Amino acid sequence: MQPTISILHGWKYPCFTFGQRTEQGIIIGMKYYPSDSLLAHEYDEGWRYLVMPDMNSVEEENHLETEIKLLKPQELKTLLEVEIKKRLYQIEVLKYELKTIPGTVINS
């Protein structure tokens, strides 16, 4: 089953989604300030995105929806290809470690 998120009636739909890669990083959270809220009066109505600049970062950044920029298709393709190569290398290392285990392992 595909996970779903409900957006309250009257709220605008977000332009971006969880896990989406952007120029600012990976979107890991979202929050909305509805027009009739104190936060919206102070900071403007709309979506804010919690972004992790990269997978190894301990920092998180908050961005307004207008500040988020999508990666160009070629940039996204390059980023994904690098990540795939990295994961394939990790798999090869794990396979090597598995081969170095002495003796016979019996599956139960």
PDB file of N, CA and C in Angstrom:
ATOM      1  N   MET A   1       0.829  -1.172   0.000  1.00  0.00           N
ATOM      2  CA  MET A   1       0.000   0.000   0.000  1.00  0.00           C
ATOM      3  C   MET A   1       0.883   1.248   0.000  1.00  0.00           C
ATOM      4  N   GLN A   2       0.520   2.198  -0.803  1.00  0.00           N
ATOM      5  CA  GLN A   2       1.271   3.442  -0.941  1.00  0.00           C
ATOM      6  C   GLN A   2       0.921   4.387   0.217  1.00  0.00           C
ATOM      7  N   PRO A   3       1.930   4.926   0.918  1.00  0.00           N
ATOM      8  CA  PRO A   3       1.619   5.874   1.989  1.00  0.00           C
ATOM      9  C   PRO A   3       0.977   7.137   1.425  1.00  0.00           C
ATOM     10  N   THR A   4       0.053   7.701   2.183  1.00  0.00           N
ATOM     11  CA  THR A   4      -0.606   8.927   1.728  1.00  0.00           C
ATOM     12  C   THR A   4      -0.587   9.961   2.842  1.00  0.00           C
ATOM     13  N   ILE A   5      -0.700  11.195   2.445  1.00  0.00           N
ATOM     14  CA  ILE A   5      -0.777  12.310   3.380  1.00  0.00           C
ATOM     15  C   ILE A   5      -2.015  13.108   3.003  1.00  0.00           C
ATOM     16  N   SER A   6      -2.825  13.444   3.978  1.00  0.00           N
ATOM     17  CA  SER A   6      -4.019  14.256   3.736  1.00  0.00           C
ATOM     18  C   SER A   6      -3.689  15.725   3.963  1.00  0.00           C
ATOM     19  N   ILE A   7      -4.151  16.556   3.069  1.00  0.00           N
ATOM     20  CA  ILE A   7      -3.989  17.998   3.191  1.00  0.00           C
ATOM     21  C   ILE A   7      -5.354  18.560   3.577  1.00  0.00           C
ATOM     22  N   LEU A   8      -5.384  19.345   4.625  1.00  0.00           N
ATOM     23  CA  LEU A   8      -6.647  19.902   5.093  1.00  0.00           C
ATOM     24  C   LEU A   8      -7.296  20.778   4.035  1.00  0.00           C
ATOM     25  N   HIS A   9      -8.621  20.788   4.048  1.00  0.00           N
ATOM     26  CA  HIS A   9      -9.385  21.631   3.136  1.00  0.00           C
ATOM     27  C   HIS A   9      -8.995  23.094   3.357  1.00  0.00           C
ATOM     28  N   GLY A  10      -8.746  23.809   2.297  1.00  0.00           N
ATOM     29  CA  GLY A  10      -8.365  25.209   2.396  1.00  0.00           C
ATOM     30  C   GLY A  10      -6.860  25.442   2.377  1.00  0.00           C
ATOM     31  N   TRP A  11      -6.087  24.380   2.603  1.00  0.00           N
ATOM     32  CA  TRP A  11      -4.641  24.520   2.528  1.00  0.00           C
ATOM     33  C   TRP A  11      -4.202  24.349   1.087  1.00  0.00           C
ATOM     34  N   LYS A  12      -3.170  25.065   0.705  1.00  0.00           N
ATOM     35  CA  LYS A  12      -2.587  24.881  -0.628  1.00  0.00           C
ATOM     36  C   LYS A  12      -1.818  23.564  -0.649  1.00  0.00           C
ATOM     37  N   TYR A  13      -1.749  22.948  -1.808  1.00  0.00           N
ATOM     38  CA  TYR A  13      -0.953  21.727  -1.938  1.00  0.00           C
ATOM     39  C   TYR A  13       0.521  22.094  -2.042  1.00  0.00           C
ATOM     40  N   PRO A  14       1.395  21.292  -1.435  1.00  0.00           N
ATOM     41  CA  PRO A  14       2.827  21.591  -1.514  1.00  0.00           C
ATOM     42  C   PRO A  14       3.366  21.358  -2.925  1.00  0.00           C
ATOM     43  N   CYS A  15       4.366  22.104  -3.274  1.00  0.00           N
ATOM     44  CA  CYS A  15       5.009  21.942  -4.590  1.00  0.00           C
ATOM     45  C   CYS A  15       6.025  20.807  -4.592  1.00  0.00           C
ATOM     46  N   PHE A  16       6.513  20.419  -3.406  1.00  0.00           N
ATOM     47  CA  PHE A  16       7.581  19.426  -3.310  1.00  0.00           C
ATOM     48  C   PHE A  16       7.150  18.295  -2.393  1.00  0.00           C
ATOM     49  N   THR A  17       7.890  17.178  -2.429  1.00  0.00           N
ATOM     50  CA  THR A  17       7.514  15.996  -1.654  1.00  0.00           C
ATOM     51  C   THR A  17       8.669  15.528  -0.778  1.00  0.00           C
ATOM     52  N   PHE A  18       8.325  14.671   0.187  1.00  0.00           N
ATOM     53  CA  PHE A  18       9.342  14.070   1.046  1.00  0.00           C
ATOM     54  C   PHE A  18      10.341  13.282   0.202  1.00  0.00           C
ATOM     55  N   GLY A  19      11.610  13.414   0.533  1.00  0.00           N
ATOM     56  CA  GLY A  19      12.647  12.664  -0.163  1.00  0.00           C
ATOM     57  C   GLY A  19      13.093  13.271  -1.480  1.00  0.00           C
ATOM     58  N   GLN A  20      12.429  14.324  -1.914  1.00  0.00           N
ATOM     59  CA  GLN A  20      12.797  14.948  -3.187  1.00  0.00           C
ATOM     60  C   GLN A  20      14.146  15.639  -3.048  1.00  0.00           C
ATOM     61  N   ARG A  21      14.978  15.465  -4.052  1.00  0.00           N
ATOM     62  CA  ARG A  21      16.310  16.080  -4.057  1.00  0.00           C
ATOM     63  C   ARG A  21      16.218  17.431  -4.749  1.00  0.00           C
ATOM     64  N   THR A  22      16.745  18.434  -4.087  1.00  0.00           N
ATOM     65  CA  THR A  22      16.700  19.794  -4.604  1.00  0.00           C
ATOM     66  C   THR A  22      18.101  20.393  -4.557  1.00  0.00           C
ATOM     67  N   GLU A  23      18.247  21.590  -5.075  1.00  0.00           N
ATOM     68  CA  GLU A  23      19.545  22.269  -4.988  1.00  0.00           C
ATOM     69  C   GLU A  23      19.955  22.477  -3.534  1.00  0.00           C
ATOM     70  N   GLN A  24      18.985  22.618  -2.645  1.00  0.00           N
ATOM     71  CA  GLN A  24      19.272  22.862  -1.236  1.00  0.00           C
ATOM     72  C   GLN A  24      19.578  21.572  -0.474  1.00  0.00           C
ATOM     73  N   GLY A  25      19.184  20.427  -1.008  1.00  0.00           N
ATOM     74  CA  GLY A  25      19.389  19.144  -0.355  1.00  0.00           C
ATOM     75  C   GLY A  25      18.157  18.263  -0.487  1.00  0.00           C
ATOM     76  N   ILE A  26      18.023  17.313   0.443  1.00  0.00           N
ATOM     77  CA  ILE A  26      16.922  16.361   0.413  1.00  0.00           C
ATOM     78  C   ILE A  26      15.836  16.821   1.381  1.00  0.00           C
ATOM     79  N   ILE A  27      14.592  16.853   0.910  1.00  0.00           N
ATOM     80  CA  ILE A  27      13.481  17.283   1.752  1.00  0.00           C
ATOM     81  C   ILE A  27      13.140  16.161   2.725  1.00  0.00           C
ATOM     82  N   ILE A  28      13.258  16.468   4.037  1.00  0.00           N
ATOM     83  CA  ILE A  28      12.994  15.454   5.062  1.00  0.00           C
ATOM     84  C   ILE A  28      11.802  15.831   5.943  1.00  0.00           C
ATOM     85  N   GLY A  29      11.237  17.006   5.732  1.00  0.00           N
ATOM     86  CA  GLY A  29      10.088  17.417   6.527  1.00  0.00           C
ATOM     87  C   GLY A  29       9.378  18.593   5.899  1.00  0.00           C
ATOM     88  N   MET A  30       8.114  18.753   6.293  1.00  0.00           N
ATOM     89  CA  MET A  30       7.308  19.846   5.771  1.00  0.00           C
ATOM     90  C   MET A  30       6.404  20.363   6.877  1.00  0.00           C
ATOM     91  N   LYS A  31       6.111  21.661   6.846  1.00  0.00           N
ATOM     92  CA  LYS A  31       5.110  22.218   7.748  1.00  0.00           C
ATOM     93  C   LYS A  31       4.389  23.343   7.022  1.00  0.00           C
ATOM     94  N   TYR A  32       3.163  23.567   7.436  1.00  0.00           N
ATOM     95  CA  TYR A  32       2.330  24.563   6.766  1.00  0.00           C
ATOM     96  C   TYR A  32       1.846  25.588   7.772  1.00  0.00           C
ATOM     97  N   TYR A  33       1.904  26.843   7.396  1.00  0.00           N
ATOM     98  CA  TYR A  33       1.357  27.915   8.205  1.00  0.00           C
ATOM     99  C   TYR A  33       0.063  28.381   7.525  1.00  0.00           C
ATOM    100  N   PRO A  34      -1.105  27.980   8.065  1.00  0.00           N
ATOM    101  CA  PRO A  34      -2.366  28.398   7.453  1.00  0.00           C
ATOM    102  C   PRO A  34      -2.582  29.906   7.598  1.00  0.00           C
ATOM    103  N   SER A  35      -3.351  30.470   6.686  1.00  0.00           N
ATOM    104  CA  SER A  35      -3.522  31.924   6.618  1.00  0.00           C
ATOM    105  C   SER A  35      -4.076  32.536   7.898  1.00  0.00           C
ATOM    106  N   ASP A  36      -4.873  31.783   8.655  1.00  0.00           N
ATOM    107  CA  ASP A  36      -5.480  32.345   9.862  1.00  0.00           C
ATOM    108  C   ASP A  36      -4.678  32.068  11.136  1.00  0.00           C
ATOM    109  N   SER A  37      -3.423  31.634  10.980  1.00  0.00           N
ATOM    110  CA  SER A  37      -2.608  31.318  12.154  1.00  0.00           C
ATOM    111  C   SER A  37      -1.689  32.485  12.523  1.00  0.00           C
ATOM    112  N   LEU A  38      -1.287  32.490  13.789  1.00  0.00           N
ATOM    113  CA  LEU A  38      -0.355  33.508  14.265  1.00  0.00           C
ATOM    114  C   LEU A  38       0.963  33.437  13.498  1.00  0.00           C
ATOM    115  N   LEU A  39       1.437  32.215  13.231  1.00  0.00           N
ATOM    116  CA  LEU A  39       2.705  32.053  12.498  1.00  0.00           C
ATOM    117  C   LEU A  39       2.610  32.642  11.094  1.00  0.00           C
ATOM    118  N   ALA A  40       1.467  32.460  10.442  1.00  0.00           N
ATOM    119  CA  ALA A  40       1.300  33.019   9.093  1.00  0.00           C
ATOM    120  C   ALA A  40       1.312  34.542   9.135  1.00  0.00           C
ATOM    121  N   HIS A  41       0.705  35.123  10.169  1.00  0.00           N
ATOM    122  CA  HIS A  41       0.717  36.592  10.281  1.00  0.00           C
ATOM    123  C   HIS A  41       2.129  37.109  10.505  1.00  0.00           C
ATOM    124  N   GLU A  42       2.915  36.306  11.216  1.00  0.00           N
ATOM    125  CA  GLU A  42       4.283  36.728  11.514  1.00  0.00           C
ATOM    126  C   GLU A  42       5.262  36.382  10.390  1.00  0.00           C
ATOM    127  N   TYR A  43       5.084  35.202   9.778  1.00  0.00           N
ATOM    128  CA  TYR A  43       6.077  34.708   8.800  1.00  0.00           C
ATOM    129  C   TYR A  43       5.527  34.454   7.406  1.00  0.00           C
ATOM    130  N   ASP A  44       4.276  34.722   7.164  1.00  0.00           N
ATOM    131  CA  ASP A  44       3.591  34.491   5.894  1.00  0.00           C
ATOM    132  C   ASP A  44       3.023  33.074   5.817  1.00  0.00           C
ATOM    133  N   GLU A  45       1.908  32.988   5.135  1.00  0.00           N
ATOM    134  CA  GLU A  45       1.222  31.720   4.923  1.00  0.00           C
ATOM    135  C   GLU A  45       2.032  30.855   3.964  1.00  0.00           C
ATOM    136  N   GLY A  46       1.925  29.550   4.127  1.00  0.00           N
ATOM    137  CA  GLY A  46       2.513  28.650   3.144  1.00  0.00           C
ATOM    138  C   GLY A  46       3.348  27.543   3.739  1.00  0.00           C
ATOM    139  N   TRP A  47       3.953  26.801   2.829  1.00  0.00           N
ATOM    140  CA  TRP A  47       4.762  25.633   3.186  1.00  0.00           C
ATOM    141  C   TRP A  47       6.189  26.038   3.497  1.00  0.00           C
ATOM    142  N   ARG A  48       6.743  25.370   4.488  1.00  0.00           N
ATOM    143  CA  ARG A  48       8.164  25.438   4.811  1.00  0.00           C
ATOM    144  C   ARG A  48       8.691  24.012   4.695  1.00  0.00           C
ATOM    145  N   TYR A  49       9.920  23.893   4.279  1.00  0.00           N
ATOM    146  CA  TYR A  49      10.519  22.574   4.073  1.00  0.00           C
ATOM    147  C   TYR A  49      11.764  22.428   4.936  1.00  0.00           C
ATOM    148  N   LEU A  50      11.861  21.289   5.600  1.00  0.00           N
ATOM    149  CA  LEU A  50      13.051  20.943   6.355  1.00  0.00           C
ATOM    150  C   LEU A  50      13.937  20.149   5.411  1.00  0.00           C
ATOM    151  N   VAL A  51      15.147  20.642   5.192  1.00  0.00           N
ATOM    152  CA  VAL A  51      16.042  20.070   4.186  1.00  0.00           C
ATOM    153  C   VAL A  51      17.356  19.657   4.838  1.00  0.00           C
ATOM    154  N   MET A  52      17.814  18.459   4.483  1.00  0.00           N
ATOM    155  CA  MET A  52      19.122  17.987   4.913  1.00  0.00           C
ATOM    156  C   MET A  52      20.064  18.228   3.729  1.00  0.00           C
ATOM    157  N   PRO A  53      21.082  19.089   3.910  1.00  0.00           N
ATOM    158  CA  PRO A  53      21.954  19.446   2.784  1.00  0.00           C
ATOM    159  C   PRO A  53      22.569  18.244   2.068  1.00  0.00           C
ATOM    160  N   ASP A  54      22.967  17.210   2.812  1.00  0.00           N
ATOM    161  CA  ASP A  54      23.441  15.974   2.191  1.00  0.00           C
ATOM    162  C   ASP A  54      23.239  14.836   3.183  1.00  0.00           C
ATOM    163  N   MET A  55      23.397  13.609   2.719  1.00  0.00           N
ATOM    164  CA  MET A  55      23.088  12.426   3.524  1.00  0.00           C
ATOM    165  C   MET A  55      23.992  12.289   4.749  1.00  0.00           C
ATOM    166  N   ASN A  56      25.150  12.929   4.749  1.00  0.00           N
ATOM    167  CA  ASN A  56      26.083  12.827   5.869  1.00  0.00           C
ATOM    168  C   ASN A  56      26.022  14.031   6.797  1.00  0.00           C
ATOM    169  N   SER A  57      25.079  14.901   6.564  1.00  0.00           N
ATOM    170  CA  SER A  57      24.985  16.128   7.339  1.00  0.00           C
ATOM    171  C   SER A  57      24.223  15.892   8.640  1.00  0.00           C
ATOM    172  N   VAL A  58      24.656  16.561   9.693  1.00  0.00           N
ATOM    173  CA  VAL A  58      23.910  16.550  10.948  1.00  0.00           C
ATOM    174  C   VAL A  58      23.064  17.820  11.047  1.00  0.00           C
ATOM    175  N   GLU A  59      23.256  18.704  10.104  1.00  0.00           N
ATOM    176  CA  GLU A  59      22.516  19.964  10.073  1.00  0.00           C
ATOM    177  C   GLU A  59      21.243  19.808   9.251  1.00  0.00           C
ATOM    178  N   GLU A  60      20.242  20.576   9.632  1.00  0.00           N
ATOM    179  CA  GLU A  60      18.996  20.665   8.874  1.00  0.00           C
ATOM    180  C   GLU A  60      18.727  22.139   8.632  1.00  0.00           C
ATOM    181  N   GLU A  61      18.114  22.436   7.507  1.00  0.00           N
ATOM    182  CA  GLU A  61      17.823  23.821   7.168  1.00  0.00           C
ATOM    183  C   GLU A  61      16.335  23.961   6.879  1.00  0.00           C
ATOM    184  N   ASN A  62      15.774  25.106   7.247  1.00  0.00           N
ATOM    185  CA  ASN A  62      14.387  25.421   6.915  1.00  0.00           C
ATOM    186  C   ASN A  62      14.375  26.357   5.721  1.00  0.00           C
ATOM    187  N   HIS A  63      13.486  26.057   4.755  1.00  0.00           N
ATOM    188  CA  HIS A  63      13.377  26.905   3.562  1.00  0.00           C
ATOM    189  C   HIS A  63      11.916  27.161   3.247  1.00  0.00           C
ATOM    190  N   LEU A  64      11.634  28.371   2.821  1.00  0.00           N
ATOM    191  CA  LEU A  64      10.318  28.677   2.287  1.00  0.00           C
ATOM    192  C   LEU A  64      10.151  27.963   0.957  1.00  0.00           C
ATOM    193  N   GLU A  65       8.917  27.733   0.585  1.00  0.00           N
ATOM    194  CA  GLU A  65       8.662  27.056  -0.687  1.00  0.00           C
ATOM    195  C   GLU A  65       9.274  27.818  -1.861  1.00  0.00           C
ATOM    196  N   THR A  66       9.255  29.148  -1.791  1.00  0.00           N
ATOM    197  CA  THR A  66       9.807  29.969  -2.880  1.00  0.00           C
ATOM    198  C   THR A  66      11.324  29.883  -2.972  1.00  0.00           C
ATOM    199  N   GLU A  67      11.979  29.394  -1.909  1.00  0.00           N
ATOM    200  CA  GLU A  67      13.438  29.281  -1.906  1.00  0.00           C
ATOM    201  C   GLU A  67      13.930  27.949  -2.468  1.00  0.00           C
ATOM    202  N   ILE A  68      13.046  26.972  -2.553  1.00  0.00           N
ATOM    203  CA  ILE A  68      13.437  25.640  -3.012  1.00  0.00           C
ATOM    204  C   ILE A  68      13.559  25.638  -4.536  1.00  0.00           C
ATOM    205  N   LYS A  69      14.666  25.134  -5.015  1.00  0.00           N
ATOM    206  CA  LYS A  69      14.912  25.037  -6.460  1.00  0.00           C
ATOM    207  C   LYS A  69      15.183  23.577  -6.813  1.00  0.00           C
ATOM    208  N   LEU A  70      14.504  23.092  -7.822  1.00  0.00           N
ATOM    209  CA  LEU A  70      14.734  21.725  -8.277  1.00  0.00           C
ATOM    210  C   LEU A  70      16.065  21.613  -8.988  1.00  0.00           C
ATOM    211  N   LEU A  71      16.657  20.433  -8.914  1.00  0.00           N
ATOM    212  CA  LEU A  71      17.870  20.164  -9.674  1.00  0.00           C
ATOM    213  C   LEU A  71      17.502  20.066 -11.150  1.00  0.00           C
ATOM    214  N   LYS A  72      18.421  20.454 -11.997  1.00  0.00           N
ATOM    215  CA  LYS A  72      18.224  20.247 -13.438  1.00  0.00           C
ATOM    216  C   LYS A  72      18.281  18.743 -13.695  1.00  0.00           C
ATOM    217  N   PRO A  73      17.583  18.255 -14.715  1.00  0.00           N
ATOM    218  CA  PRO A  73      17.564  16.809 -14.975  1.00  0.00           C
ATOM    219  C   PRO A  73      18.952  16.178 -15.042  1.00  0.00           C
ATOM    220  N   GLN A  74      19.910  16.834 -15.680  1.00  0.00           N
ATOM    221  CA  GLN A  74      21.255  16.266 -15.784  1.00  0.00           C
ATOM    222  C   GLN A  74      21.946  16.216 -14.423  1.00  0.00           C
ATOM    223  N   GLU A  75      21.716  17.237 -13.590  1.00  0.00           N
ATOM    224  CA  GLU A  75      22.294  17.252 -12.242  1.00  0.00           C
ATOM    225  C   GLU A  75      21.724  16.105 -11.405  1.00  0.00           C
ATOM    226  N   LEU A  76      20.411  15.897 -11.500  1.00  0.00           N
ATOM    227  CA  LEU A  76      19.776  14.809 -10.763  1.00  0.00           C
ATOM    228  C   LEU A  76      20.278  13.461 -11.249  1.00  0.00           C
ATOM    229  N   LYS A  77      20.404  13.317 -12.563  1.00  0.00           N
ATOM    230  CA  LYS A  77      20.900  12.061 -13.137  1.00  0.00           C
ATOM    231  C   LYS A  77      22.319  11.776 -12.634  1.00  0.00           C
ATOM    232  N   THR A  78      23.179  12.761 -12.656  1.00  0.00           N
ATOM    233  CA  THR A  78      24.559  12.600 -12.191  1.00  0.00           C
ATOM    234  C   THR A  78      24.592  12.234 -10.707  1.00  0.00           C
ATOM    235  N   LEU A  79      23.794  12.922  -9.912  1.00  0.00           N
ATOM    236  CA  LEU A  79      23.736  12.650  -8.479  1.00  0.00           C
ATOM    237  C   LEU A  79      23.290  11.210  -8.203  1.00  0.00           C
ATOM    238  N   LEU A  80      22.266  10.767  -8.913  1.00  0.00           N
ATOM    239  CA  LEU A  80      21.767   9.406  -8.725  1.00  0.00           C
ATOM    240  C   LEU A  80      22.778   8.359  -9.202  1.00  0.00           C
ATOM    241  N   GLU A  81      23.449   8.632 -10.306  1.00  0.00           N
ATOM    242  CA  GLU A  81      24.464   7.699 -10.804  1.00  0.00           C
ATOM    243  C   GLU A  81      25.609   7.549  -9.798  1.00  0.00           C
ATOM    244  N   VAL A  82      26.032   8.654  -9.193  1.00  0.00           N
ATOM    245  CA  VAL A  82      27.086   8.605  -8.180  1.00  0.00           C
ATOM    246  C   VAL A  82      26.621   7.785  -6.984  1.00  0.00           C
ATOM    247  N   GLU A  83      25.391   7.988  -6.563  1.00  0.00           N
ATOM    248  CA  GLU A  83      24.858   7.239  -5.423  1.00  0.00           C
ATOM    249  C   GLU A  83      24.745   5.750  -5.743  1.00  0.00           C
ATOM    250  N   ILE A  84      24.332   5.417  -6.941  1.00  0.00           N
ATOM    251  CA  ILE A  84      24.246   4.011  -7.354  1.00  0.00           C
ATOM    252  C   ILE A  84      25.628   3.370  -7.328  1.00  0.00           C
ATOM    253  N   LYS A  85      26.634   4.044  -7.880  1.00  0.00           N
ATOM    254  CA  LYS A  85      28.003   3.509  -7.873  1.00  0.00           C
ATOM    255  C   LYS A  85      28.496   3.284  -6.457  1.00  0.00           C
ATOM    256  N   LYS A  86      28.197   4.221  -5.575  1.00  0.00           N
ATOM    257  CA  LYS A  86      28.606   4.107  -4.181  1.00  0.00           C
ATOM    258  C   LYS A  86      27.946   2.889  -3.540  1.00  0.00           C
ATOM    259  N   ARG A  87      26.663   2.698  -3.774  1.00  0.00           N
ATOM    260  CA  ARG A  87      25.943   1.557  -3.185  1.00  0.00           C
ATOM    261  C   ARG A  87      26.432   0.236  -3.770  1.00  0.00           C
ATOM    262  N   LEU A  88      26.727   0.206  -5.065  1.00  0.00           N
ATOM    263  CA  LEU A  88      27.245  -1.018  -5.681  1.00  0.00           C
ATOM    264  C   LEU A  88      28.600  -1.389  -5.083  1.00  0.00           C
ATOM    265  N   TYR A  89      29.420  -0.379  -4.826  1.00  0.00           N
ATOM    266  CA  TYR A  89      30.717  -0.622  -4.184  1.00  0.00           C
ATOM    267  C   TYR A  89      30.508  -1.195  -2.786  1.00  0.00           C
ATOM    268  N   GLN A  90      29.550  -0.629  -2.046  1.00  0.00           N
ATOM    269  CA  GLN A  90      29.259  -1.141  -0.704  1.00  0.00           C
ATOM    270  C   GLN A  90      28.794  -2.596  -0.752  1.00  0.00           C
ATOM    271  N   ILE A  91      28.014  -2.929  -1.758  1.00  0.00           N
ATOM    272  CA  ILE A  91      27.551  -4.317  -1.920  1.00  0.00           C
ATOM    273  C   ILE A  91      28.736  -5.240  -2.178  1.00  0.00           C
ATOM    274  N   GLU A  92      29.663  -4.814  -3.027  1.00  0.00           N
ATOM    275  CA  GLU A  92      30.846  -5.631  -3.316  1.00  0.00           C
ATOM    276  C   GLU A  92      31.689  -5.851  -2.061  1.00  0.00           C
ATOM    277  N   VAL A  93      31.837  -4.821  -1.246  1.00  0.00           N
ATOM    278  CA  VAL A  93      32.592  -4.953   0.001  1.00  0.00           C
ATOM    279  C   VAL A  93      31.902  -5.958   0.923  1.00  0.00           C
ATOM    280  N   LEU A  94      30.583  -5.877   1.024  1.00  0.00           N
ATOM    281  CA  LEU A  94      29.841  -6.811   1.872  1.00  0.00           C
ATOM    282  C   LEU A  94      29.938  -8.249   1.353  1.00  0.00           C
ATOM    283  N   LYS A  95      29.913  -8.417   0.038  1.00  0.00           N
ATOM    284  CA  LYS A  95      30.071  -9.761  -0.550  1.00  0.00           C
ATOM    285  C   LYS A  95      31.444 -10.330  -0.204  1.00  0.00           C
ATOM    286  N   TYR A  96      32.466  -9.479  -0.277  1.00  0.00           N
ATOM    287  CA  TYR A  96      33.813  -9.919   0.065  1.00  0.00           C
ATOM    288  C   TYR A  96      33.874 -10.345   1.530  1.00  0.00           C
ATOM    289  N   GLU A  97      33.287  -9.530   2.413  1.00  0.00           N
ATOM    290  CA  GLU A  97      33.268  -9.877   3.832  1.00  0.00           C
ATOM    291  C   GLU A  97      32.554 -11.210   4.052  1.00  0.00           C
ATOM    292  N   LEU A  98      31.489 -11.425   3.347  1.00  0.00           N
ATOM    293  CA  LEU A  98      30.733 -12.658   3.471  1.00  0.00           C
ATOM    294  C   LEU A  98      31.576 -13.866   3.072  1.00  0.00           C
ATOM    295  N   LYS A  99      32.379 -13.710   2.028  1.00  0.00           N
ATOM    296  CA  LYS A  99      33.241 -14.814   1.563  1.00  0.00           C
ATOM    297  C   LYS A  99      34.350 -15.136   2.560  1.00  0.00           C
ATOM    298  N   THR A 100      34.722 -14.155   3.369  1.00  0.00           N
ATOM    299  CA  THR A 100      35.827 -14.364   4.304  1.00  0.00           C
ATOM    300  C   THR A 100      35.400 -15.041   5.604  1.00  0.00           C
ATOM    301  N   ILE A 101      34.099 -15.284   5.776  1.00  0.00           N
ATOM    302  CA  ILE A 101      33.625 -15.948   6.986  1.00  0.00           C
ATOM    303  C   ILE A 101      34.067 -17.405   6.936  1.00  0.00           C
ATOM    304  N   PRO A 102      34.828 -17.849   7.945  1.00  0.00           N
ATOM    305  CA  PRO A 102      35.325 -19.228   7.921  1.00  0.00           C
ATOM    306  C   PRO A 102      34.208 -20.236   8.227  1.00  0.00           C
ATOM    307  N   GLY A 103      34.394 -21.448   7.702  1.00  0.00           N
ATOM    308  CA  GLY A 103      33.475 -22.547   8.003  1.00  0.00           C
ATOM    309  C   GLY A 103      32.185 -22.488   7.219  1.00  0.00           C
ATOM    310  N   THR A 104      31.373 -23.465   7.474  1.00  0.00           N
ATOM    311  CA  THR A 104      30.080 -23.583   6.799  1.00  0.00           C
ATOM    312  C   THR A 104      28.996 -23.031   7.699  1.00  0.00           C
ATOM    313  N   VAL A 105      28.137 -22.251   7.129  1.00  0.00           N
ATOM    314  CA  VAL A 105      27.014 -21.706   7.870  1.00  0.00           C
ATOM    315  C   VAL A 105      25.792 -22.515   7.487  1.00  0.00           C
ATOM    316  N   ILE A 106      25.076 -23.016   8.503  1.00  0.00           N
ATOM    317  CA  ILE A 106      23.872 -23.794   8.256  1.00  0.00           C
ATOM    318  C   ILE A 106      22.669 -22.889   8.425  1.00  0.00           C
ATOM    319  N   ASN A 107      21.846 -22.846   7.383  1.00  0.00           N
ATOM    320  CA  ASN A 107      20.606 -22.038   7.459  1.00  0.00           C
ATOM    321  C   ASN A 107      19.560 -22.793   8.262  1.00  0.00           C
ATOM    322  N   SER A 108      18.904 -22.115   9.151  1.00  0.00           N
ATOM    323  CA  SER A 108      17.850 -22.779   9.931  1.00  0.00           C
ATOM    324  C   SER A 108      16.498 -22.226   9.591  1.00  0.00           C
TER     325      SER A 108
END
